[in-house]
């Protein structure tokens, strides 16, 4: 007799997203297609700190998720998305109470604070529970972190070239073979929901 695998708790997975140039439009498209019970989501968008609260409110209005600027030490549950502050790195840990975000310094990494790589690297110990997404942007921030997450069992997704305002960060990630799935922003959330439901394999090809 076939048995269904045991149901995972709603916060079993964490979605981590990095974006830079062109990111506001890509994030709005991605989050607007996410259901209200989407996994806990953490976002690094390269943006001046004064713009982050208004941008979070804009994303919250555009989606069914509650989107806000991350607070140091707060828990992050399903149906919620938090944006890293514009002047501090954000890292995430899995605690007894679930996923929790913390500020982690202000020194630039890859010429950025917050840095996508800092967020991704903090999630390496929890990689099998992580779905990491790298969106449009210049440079290479997030590419090596995405590769490291993939090597440790995370699901990795990048924005496709045709929909990118700047095909920089996703291009570097693809060249490193860090990317498992490549889709436009509006297809990211449906893909994640399909993966979480177990209707697609987590690793379509082995990590390099």
C-alpha atoms as a PDB file:
ATOM      1  CA  UNK A   1       0.000   0.000   0.000  1.00  0.00           C
ATOM      2  CA  UNK A   2       1.381   3.389  -0.987  1.00  0.00           C
ATOM      3  CA  UNK A   3       1.603   5.894   1.803  1.00  0.00           C
ATOM      4  CA  UNK A   4       1.814   9.619   1.444  1.00  0.00           C
ATOM      5  CA  UNK A   5       4.906  11.215   2.975  1.00  0.00           C
ATOM      6  CA  UNK A   6       4.192  12.968   6.270  1.00  0.00           C
ATOM      7  CA  UNK A   7       2.965  16.527   5.854  1.00  0.00           C
ATOM      8  CA  UNK A   8       5.592  19.164   6.493  1.00  0.00           C
ATOM      9  CA  UNK A   9       4.792  22.130   8.737  1.00  0.00           C
ATOM     10  CA  UNK A  10       3.867  25.331   6.849  1.00  0.00           C
ATOM     11  CA  UNK A  11       7.203  26.939   7.697  1.00  0.00           C
ATOM     12  CA  UNK A  12       9.348  23.951   6.734  1.00  0.00           C
ATOM     13  CA  UNK A  13      10.744  25.793   3.709  1.00  0.00           C
ATOM     14  CA  UNK A  14      12.170  29.303   3.522  1.00  0.00           C
ATOM     15  CA  UNK A  15      12.295  31.336   0.317  1.00  0.00           C
ATOM     16  CA  UNK A  16      15.323  33.660   0.006  1.00  0.00           C
ATOM     17  CA  UNK A  17      15.348  36.207  -2.826  1.00  0.00           C
ATOM     18  CA  UNK A  18      18.073  38.536  -4.061  1.00  0.00           C
ATOM     19  CA  UNK A  19      17.580  41.383  -6.542  1.00  0.00           C
ATOM     20  CA  UNK A  20      19.290  44.542  -7.752  1.00  0.00           C
ATOM     21  CA  UNK A  21      18.756  46.721 -10.851  1.00  0.00           C
ATOM     22  CA  UNK A  22      15.238  46.066 -12.155  1.00  0.00           C
ATOM     23  CA  UNK A  23      14.398  44.215  -8.970  1.00  0.00           C
ATOM     24  CA  UNK A  24      11.395  46.298  -7.847  1.00  0.00           C
ATOM     25  CA  UNK A  25       9.418  45.346 -10.948  1.00  0.00           C
ATOM     26  CA  UNK A  26      10.558  41.724 -10.806  1.00  0.00           C
ATOM     27  CA  UNK A  27       9.691  41.409  -7.117  1.00  0.00           C
ATOM     28  CA  UNK A  28       6.250  42.932  -7.648  1.00  0.00           C
ATOM     29  CA  UNK A  29       5.591  40.397 -10.410  1.00  0.00           C
ATOM     30  CA  UNK A  30       6.883  37.489  -8.337  1.00  0.00           C
ATOM     31  CA  UNK A  31       5.018  38.311  -5.140  1.00  0.00           C
ATOM     32  CA  UNK A  32       1.760  39.192  -6.884  1.00  0.00           C
ATOM     33  CA  UNK A  33       1.544  35.575  -8.075  1.00  0.00           C
ATOM     34  CA  UNK A  34       2.249  34.087  -4.624  1.00  0.00           C
ATOM     35  CA  UNK A  35      -0.632  32.557  -2.617  1.00  0.00           C
ATOM     36  CA  UNK A  36      -1.483  33.730   0.878  1.00  0.00           C
ATOM     37  CA  UNK A  37       0.105  30.605   2.420  1.00  0.00           C
ATOM     38  CA  UNK A  38       3.417  31.040   0.570  1.00  0.00           C
ATOM     39  CA  UNK A  39       6.480  29.926   2.585  1.00  0.00           C
ATOM     40  CA  UNK A  40       8.277  32.464   4.808  1.00  0.00           C
ATOM     41  CA  UNK A  41      10.203  34.779   2.492  1.00  0.00           C
ATOM     42  CA  UNK A  42      13.294  36.935   2.988  1.00  0.00           C
ATOM     43  CA  UNK A  43      14.384  39.505   0.390  1.00  0.00           C
ATOM     44  CA  UNK A  44      17.540  41.490  -0.243  1.00  0.00           C
ATOM     45  CA  UNK A  45      16.933  44.304  -2.730  1.00  0.00           C
ATOM     46  CA  UNK A  46      19.813  46.712  -3.364  1.00  0.00           C
ATOM     47  CA  UNK A  47      18.096  49.996  -2.536  1.00  0.00           C
ATOM     48  CA  UNK A  48      18.764  53.101  -0.385  1.00  0.00           C
ATOM     49  CA  UNK A  49      17.477  52.652   3.171  1.00  0.00           C
ATOM     50  CA  UNK A  50      15.014  55.547   2.957  1.00  0.00           C
ATOM     51  CA  UNK A  51      13.132  53.746   0.159  1.00  0.00           C
ATOM     52  CA  UNK A  52      12.720  50.358   1.857  1.00  0.00           C
ATOM     53  CA  UNK A  53       9.622  51.054   4.040  1.00  0.00           C
ATOM     54  CA  UNK A  54       7.632  52.522   1.146  1.00  0.00           C
ATOM     55  CA  UNK A  55       8.758  49.722  -1.160  1.00  0.00           C
ATOM     56  CA  UNK A  56       7.673  47.110   1.387  1.00  0.00           C
ATOM     57  CA  UNK A  57       4.261  48.771   1.632  1.00  0.00           C
ATOM     58  CA  UNK A  58       4.005  48.796  -2.159  1.00  0.00           C
ATOM     59  CA  UNK A  59       4.776  45.076  -2.372  1.00  0.00           C
ATOM     60  CA  UNK A  60       2.309  44.320   0.407  1.00  0.00           C
ATOM     61  CA  UNK A  61      -0.393  46.179  -1.519  1.00  0.00           C
ATOM     62  CA  UNK A  62       0.457  44.294  -4.728  1.00  0.00           C
ATOM     63  CA  UNK A  63       0.381  40.808  -3.176  1.00  0.00           C
ATOM     64  CA  UNK A  64      -1.511  38.565  -0.780  1.00  0.00           C
ATOM     65  CA  UNK A  65       1.514  38.465   1.509  1.00  0.00           C
ATOM     66  CA  UNK A  66       2.225  40.725   4.461  1.00  0.00           C
ATOM     67  CA  UNK A  67       5.441  42.484   3.393  1.00  0.00           C
ATOM     68  CA  UNK A  68       7.482  44.679   5.725  1.00  0.00           C
ATOM     69  CA  UNK A  69      11.005  45.835   6.478  1.00  0.00           C
ATOM     70  CA  UNK A  70      12.780  43.212   8.574  1.00  0.00           C
ATOM     71  CA  UNK A  71      13.263  43.901  12.263  1.00  0.00           C
ATOM     72  CA  UNK A  72      16.311  42.555  14.066  1.00  0.00           C
ATOM     73  CA  UNK A  73      15.489  39.229  15.725  1.00  0.00           C
ATOM     74  CA  UNK A  74      11.916  38.883  14.456  1.00  0.00           C
ATOM     75  CA  UNK A  75      10.329  35.577  13.484  1.00  0.00           C
ATOM     76  CA  UNK A  76       9.212  35.021   9.891  1.00  0.00           C
ATOM     77  CA  UNK A  77       6.241  32.775   9.209  1.00  0.00           C
ATOM     78  CA  UNK A  78       4.165  31.630   6.214  1.00  0.00           C
ATOM     79  CA  UNK A  79       2.379  34.382   4.337  1.00  0.00           C
ATOM     80  CA  UNK A  80       5.044  36.891   5.351  1.00  0.00           C
ATOM     81  CA  UNK A  81       7.903  38.475   3.438  1.00  0.00           C
ATOM     82  CA  UNK A  82      10.551  40.723   4.944  1.00  0.00           C
ATOM     83  CA  UNK A  83      12.957  43.089   3.202  1.00  0.00           C
ATOM     84  CA  UNK A  84      16.478  43.621   4.457  1.00  0.00           C
ATOM     85  CA  UNK A  85      17.040  47.187   5.637  1.00  0.00           C
ATOM     86  CA  UNK A  86      18.951  49.274   3.135  1.00  0.00           C
ATOM     87  CA  UNK A  87      21.962  49.774   5.394  1.00  0.00           C
ATOM     88  CA  UNK A  88      22.518  46.439   7.183  1.00  0.00           C
ATOM     89  CA  UNK A  89      23.118  42.835   6.181  1.00  0.00           C
ATOM     90  CA  UNK A  90      20.331  40.381   7.015  1.00  0.00           C
ATOM     91  CA  UNK A  91      20.960  36.761   7.989  1.00  0.00           C
ATOM     92  CA  UNK A  92      18.457  34.064   8.881  1.00  0.00           C
ATOM     93  CA  UNK A  93      18.629  31.180  11.343  1.00  0.00           C
ATOM     94  CA  UNK A  94      16.327  28.283  12.128  1.00  0.00           C
ATOM     95  CA  UNK A  95      15.480  28.286  15.842  1.00  0.00           C
ATOM     96  CA  UNK A  96      13.112  26.312  18.038  1.00  0.00           C
ATOM     97  CA  UNK A  97      10.503  28.943  17.227  1.00  0.00           C
ATOM     98  CA  UNK A  98      11.004  28.726  13.462  1.00  0.00           C
ATOM     99  CA  UNK A  99      12.804  31.071  11.056  1.00  0.00           C
ATOM    100  CA  UNK A 100      14.231  34.254  12.525  1.00  0.00           C
ATOM    101  CA  UNK A 101      16.065  37.164  10.886  1.00  0.00           C
ATOM    102  CA  UNK A 102      18.960  39.118  12.375  1.00  0.00           C
ATOM    103  CA  UNK A 103      20.983  42.162  11.377  1.00  0.00           C
ATOM    104  CA  UNK A 104      24.629  41.297  10.721  1.00  0.00           C
ATOM    105  CA  UNK A 105      26.830  44.354  10.311  1.00  0.00           C
ATOM    106  CA  UNK A 106      27.268  47.100   7.760  1.00  0.00           C
ATOM    107  CA  UNK A 107      30.591  46.431   6.010  1.00  0.00           C
ATOM    108  CA  UNK A 108      30.067  46.143   2.252  1.00  0.00           C
ATOM    109  CA  UNK A 109      30.317  42.729   0.610  1.00  0.00           C
ATOM    110  CA  UNK A 110      30.525  42.651  -3.198  1.00  0.00           C
ATOM    111  CA  UNK A 111      30.231  46.449  -2.935  1.00  0.00           C
ATOM    112  CA  UNK A 112      26.795  46.114  -1.342  1.00  0.00           C
ATOM    113  CA  UNK A 113      25.164  46.404   2.057  1.00  0.00           C
ATOM    114  CA  UNK A 114      22.900  44.515   2.349  1.00  0.00           C
ATOM    115  CA  UNK A 115      24.515  41.748   0.339  1.00  0.00           C
ATOM    116  CA  UNK A 116      22.648  38.835  -1.198  1.00  0.00           C
ATOM    117  CA  UNK A 117      25.669  36.588  -0.670  1.00  0.00           C
ATOM    118  CA  UNK A 118      25.627  37.322   3.080  1.00  0.00           C
ATOM    119  CA  UNK A 119      21.984  36.235   3.275  1.00  0.00           C
ATOM    120  CA  UNK A 120      22.537  33.122   1.155  1.00  0.00           C
ATOM    121  CA  UNK A 121      25.664  32.059   3.052  1.00  0.00           C
ATOM    122  CA  UNK A 122      23.816  32.309   6.375  1.00  0.00           C
ATOM    123  CA  UNK A 123      21.333  29.739   5.078  1.00  0.00           C
ATOM    124  CA  UNK A 124      23.901  27.080   4.142  1.00  0.00           C
ATOM    125  CA  UNK A 125      23.331  25.043   7.357  1.00  0.00           C
ATOM    126  CA  UNK A 126      19.623  24.825   6.475  1.00  0.00           C
ATOM    127  CA  UNK A 127      20.054  24.398   2.704  1.00  0.00           C
ATOM    128  CA  UNK A 128      17.698  21.392   2.230  1.00  0.00           C
ATOM    129  CA  UNK A 129      14.887  23.618   3.520  1.00  0.00           C
ATOM    130  CA  UNK A 130      15.821  26.631   1.383  1.00  0.00           C
ATOM    131  CA  UNK A 131      14.532  27.797  -1.991  1.00  0.00           C
ATOM    132  CA  UNK A 132      16.897  30.512  -3.205  1.00  0.00           C
ATOM    133  CA  UNK A 133      16.015  32.909  -6.022  1.00  0.00           C
ATOM    134  CA  UNK A 134      18.337  35.305  -7.850  1.00  0.00           C
ATOM    135  CA  UNK A 135      16.675  38.045  -9.895  1.00  0.00           C
ATOM    136  CA  UNK A 136      17.826  40.777 -12.276  1.00  0.00           C
ATOM    137  CA  UNK A 137      20.803  42.971 -11.398  1.00  0.00           C
ATOM    138  CA  UNK A 138      24.315  44.126 -12.238  1.00  0.00           C
ATOM    139  CA  UNK A 139      27.431  42.445 -10.957  1.00  0.00           C
ATOM    140  CA  UNK A 140      27.786  39.114  -9.209  1.00  0.00           C
ATOM    141  CA  UNK A 141      26.253  39.514  -5.750  1.00  0.00           C
ATOM    142  CA  UNK A 142      24.416  36.326  -4.801  1.00  0.00           C
ATOM    143  CA  UNK A 143      25.904  34.077  -7.488  1.00  0.00           C
ATOM    144  CA  UNK A 144      28.475  32.292  -5.325  1.00  0.00           C
ATOM    145  CA  UNK A 145      26.064  32.094  -2.413  1.00  0.00           C
ATOM    146  CA  UNK A 146      23.526  30.470  -4.722  1.00  0.00           C
ATOM    147  CA  UNK A 147      26.116  27.915  -5.836  1.00  0.00           C
ATOM    148  CA  UNK A 148      27.030  27.098  -2.241  1.00  0.00           C
ATOM    149  CA  UNK A 149      23.366  26.623  -1.344  1.00  0.00           C
ATOM    150  CA  UNK A 150      22.860  24.326  -4.303  1.00  0.00           C
ATOM    151  CA  UNK A 151      25.885  22.251  -3.334  1.00  0.00           C
ATOM    152  CA  UNK A 152      24.344  21.791   0.113  1.00  0.00           C
ATOM    153  CA  UNK A 153      20.926  20.712  -1.126  1.00  0.00           C
ATOM    154  CA  UNK A 154      18.888  23.873  -1.678  1.00  0.00           C
ATOM    155  CA  UNK A 155      16.537  24.451  -4.595  1.00  0.00           C
ATOM    156  CA  UNK A 156      17.955  27.261  -6.772  1.00  0.00           C
ATOM    157  CA  UNK A 157      16.105  29.470  -9.246  1.00  0.00           C
ATOM    158  CA  UNK A 158      17.255  32.387 -11.419  1.00  0.00           C
ATOM    159  CA  UNK A 159      15.422  34.889 -13.572  1.00  0.00           C
ATOM    160  CA  UNK A 160      15.616  34.207 -17.291  1.00  0.00           C
ATOM    161  CA  UNK A 161      17.633  36.515 -19.543  1.00  0.00           C
ATOM    162  CA  UNK A 162      14.671  37.701 -21.636  1.00  0.00           C
ATOM    163  CA  UNK A 163      12.850  39.195 -18.649  1.00  0.00           C
ATOM    164  CA  UNK A 164      15.882  40.711 -16.886  1.00  0.00           C
ATOM    165  CA  UNK A 165      16.409  44.470 -16.921  1.00  0.00           C
ATOM    166  CA  UNK A 166      20.106  43.621 -16.475  1.00  0.00           C
ATOM    167  CA  UNK A 167      21.242  40.048 -17.026  1.00  0.00           C
ATOM    168  CA  UNK A 168      24.196  40.263 -14.662  1.00  0.00           C
ATOM    169  CA  UNK A 169      23.808  38.359 -11.395  1.00  0.00           C
ATOM    170  CA  UNK A 170      21.722  35.541 -12.937  1.00  0.00           C
ATOM    171  CA  UNK A 171      24.214  35.232 -15.807  1.00  0.00           C
ATOM    172  CA  UNK A 172      27.131  34.785 -13.401  1.00  0.00           C
ATOM    173  CA  UNK A 173      25.120  32.242 -11.391  1.00  0.00           C
ATOM    174  CA  UNK A 174      24.274  30.305 -14.563  1.00  0.00           C
ATOM    175  CA  UNK A 175      27.932  30.307 -15.619  1.00  0.00           C
ATOM    176  CA  UNK A 176      28.843  28.817 -12.236  1.00  0.00           C
ATOM    177  CA  UNK A 177      26.177  26.102 -12.721  1.00  0.00           C
ATOM    178  CA  UNK A 178      24.429  27.348  -9.584  1.00  0.00           C
ATOM    179  CA  UNK A 179      20.953  27.417 -11.147  1.00  0.00           C
ATOM    180  CA  UNK A 180      18.490  24.512 -11.330  1.00  0.00           C
ATOM    181  CA  UNK A 181      15.466  26.357 -12.734  1.00  0.00           C
ATOM    182  CA  UNK A 182      15.341  29.461 -14.969  1.00  0.00           C
ATOM    183  CA  UNK A 183      11.996  31.266 -15.302  1.00  0.00           C
ATOM    184  CA  UNK A 184      10.529  34.800 -15.559  1.00  0.00           C
ATOM    185  CA  UNK A 185       9.435  36.425 -12.290  1.00  0.00           C
ATOM    186  CA  UNK A 186       5.709  35.704 -12.633  1.00  0.00           C
ATOM    187  CA  UNK A 187       6.466  31.978 -12.881  1.00  0.00           C
ATOM    188  CA  UNK A 188       8.693  31.806  -9.783  1.00  0.00           C
ATOM    189  CA  UNK A 189       5.958  31.545  -7.137  1.00  0.00           C
ATOM    190  CA  UNK A 190       3.939  28.893  -9.019  1.00  0.00           C
ATOM    191  CA  UNK A 191       7.137  26.900  -9.536  1.00  0.00           C
ATOM    192  CA  UNK A 192       7.953  27.109  -5.834  1.00  0.00           C
ATOM    193  CA  UNK A 193       4.444  25.975  -4.901  1.00  0.00           C
ATOM    194  CA  UNK A 194       4.798  22.991  -7.250  1.00  0.00           C
ATOM    195  CA  UNK A 195       8.177  22.076  -5.773  1.00  0.00           C
ATOM    196  CA  UNK A 196       6.957  22.414  -2.191  1.00  0.00           C
ATOM    197  CA  UNK A 197       3.970  20.188  -2.999  1.00  0.00           C
ATOM    198  CA  UNK A 198       6.378  17.536  -4.291  1.00  0.00           C
ATOM    199  CA  UNK A 199       5.068  17.518  -7.859  1.00  0.00           C
ATOM    200  CA  UNK A 200       8.561  18.182  -9.270  1.00  0.00           C
ATOM    201  CA  UNK A 201      11.913  16.705  -8.214  1.00  0.00           C
ATOM    202  CA  UNK A 202      14.037  18.936  -5.992  1.00  0.00           C
ATOM    203  CA  UNK A 203      17.249  18.264  -7.973  1.00  0.00           C
ATOM    204  CA  UNK A 204      16.735  17.887 -11.737  1.00  0.00           C
ATOM    205  CA  UNK A 205      20.499  17.532 -12.167  1.00  0.00           C
ATOM    206  CA  UNK A 206      23.345  16.953  -9.691  1.00  0.00           C
ATOM    207  CA  UNK A 207      25.133  19.897  -8.188  1.00  0.00           C
ATOM    208  CA  UNK A 208      28.593  20.606  -9.649  1.00  0.00           C
END
